[in-house]
Amino acid sequence: MKISLLILVSATVVVHSFAPVAFVPRGGSLSGSSLGATASSSSSSSSSKSSTTKDKKASKDAPPVHLGWDSHNPVESMPDSLVREGDGPDGNYPMRSRFEKLCREAQISITKAIEEIDGEGVFREDCWTRANGGGGMSRVLSGGKVFEKAGVNLSVVYGSMPQEALQAATERGVDRAKGMAPGERVPFFACGLSSVMHPKNPHAPTMHFNYRYFETDGGVWWFGGGTDITPSYLNEDDMKHFHGTYKEVCDKHDPEYYEEFKAWADRYFVIQHRNETRGLGGIFFDDQNNKTPDEHFAFSEEAVNSVIKAYGPIVEKHKDDPYTEKQKQWQLMRRGRYVEFNLVYDRGTVFGLKTGGRIESILMSLPETARWEYDHQVEPGSPEAEFLEACRHPRSWV
C-alpha cells in the first residue's frame, strides 16, 4: 500500500530587519516601554485585562474564533513582516519580530544548502496571509536527485483556541490559560519554522526540525523546538556525528540541556501503539521560560542554524550508496511508521488541525511514498532487526 502527497508552490521572500528584544523576566510576565500593555497577577489588573481582552475580541481586527482551513489568502510576495504591533494578545512585540526574522533567515539558508546537496532539485515557494494577521511561506522540493521531498515551512499565527487545544500543545500540562474562565477560548500568537527532509536512498536518513515561540493572553510566553533524525538503518558513526553536533550546541548554553533534551526527544517521539520510537532521536524541548527570553532565543538560534552542520554530511555520505529492493521496501515501511506518528501523536499536527491551520503546510511532513505490509516481521540478526532494537531501547550516542 502506498500513499502520495505532492505540493507544488511558488512565490517570493523578502527579509526585514527588526528591533532588538526587550528584557522579560523569569516566569513569563511581559513588561517594558516597547509593549502595548503590562501583565499583572493582581485581581484588579486581571479584571482590567479581562475587560480589555473582551473589547479586543469584539473589534473588527480581533483574531477569528477559528482560523478556518480556507482563511489563507495566496499572495505573490511576502510582506516585509507578518508581525504587526497590535495584532493578537498584548505581548512582547520585539521578540515576535526577532523570532520571525530568525525563522525567515534560517529558511533561506537551509533550503539553499539542501539545494546544493541535491544538485538538481529546486525549492518552490508558496506565500499566504490572513486578513486578521499573520500568514506564512512554504518552500518545498519534490522529485530531486537526492531528496524525494523536502520542505521548510514558516508560519506566523494569530488566533484563539480552546483551552484543551492549548493543553495538547504543551508537554507537561502547564497552565497556559491562567485567569481564563472555563470554556473561554485563549487568544494566542505563535511563530515557528518546521521542516522534514525525505531522501530517496534508504541509507540516507530522514530529518525533522521545528523551532517555535508562543505567547498567550495574559502575558504568558514560552519557546519550544528540536531537531531529530530518522534513519532506516543504524550507522553508529552517523548518530555520533548528529548527536555530537547538538551536544556541542547544548553545552554552550547549559550543561544540563543535552541530557535533558535528548531524553525528552526519546520520550516524545514514541509510536505508542508500536512501542517503538519514530527514529533515533535528537533533542526536543518545550515550555521553556525559566530563563530570560534573550537566553532562550540564543539557544533556539544556534540550534536551528546547526541543522545543516548536523545533517548535511550524513546525506552527502550516503546519497550514492548502493541499495537493494528489499532495503527500499524497508525504508518505505519505516516511512509508514513516520506517518503513523505524525497523524496520531505529533503535537504540531494536532495543534494545526484543531486551530484551522493551512492543511498543505500541516501535512507537508508526510513522505510522498510509504508502505504498510501486513504482520511484517524482521529477520533475527538482520540490519533491520538491529535498527528496530535501537528504536525499542533508546541508547546514548555520545
Foldseek 3Di string as FASTA:
>chain_A
DKFFDDDAAAAEEAEADADAFDWDFFPQWADDPVWPDGFDPDPVSLVVLVVVVVVQCPDPLAADQFCAQPQWAWDRYDDNDQQDHPAWATEGSRVVRVVLNLLVVLQVVVQVLVCVLLVFWHWHKTWTAGPSTWTWMKTKTDDTNWFNIKIKIKTKDWHWFWQVLVLLLFDPSDRQPPSDDHRDIKTKIKIKMKMWTHTQFLQAKIKIKMWMKMHIHRRGIKIWMWIWIAHQFDDLVLVLLLQVLVCVLQCVQPNCQSVVFQVVQLVQQALVVVLFGLHQGHGTDIRDRRGIPVSVVVSSSVRSVCVCVSRVVRSSVPSPPDDDPVSSQSSQASLVVVVSCLVPRDSQLSSCVRRNHHVCVSCSNRRRIHDDDPPDDDDPPDSSVVRRVCRNPPDDSD
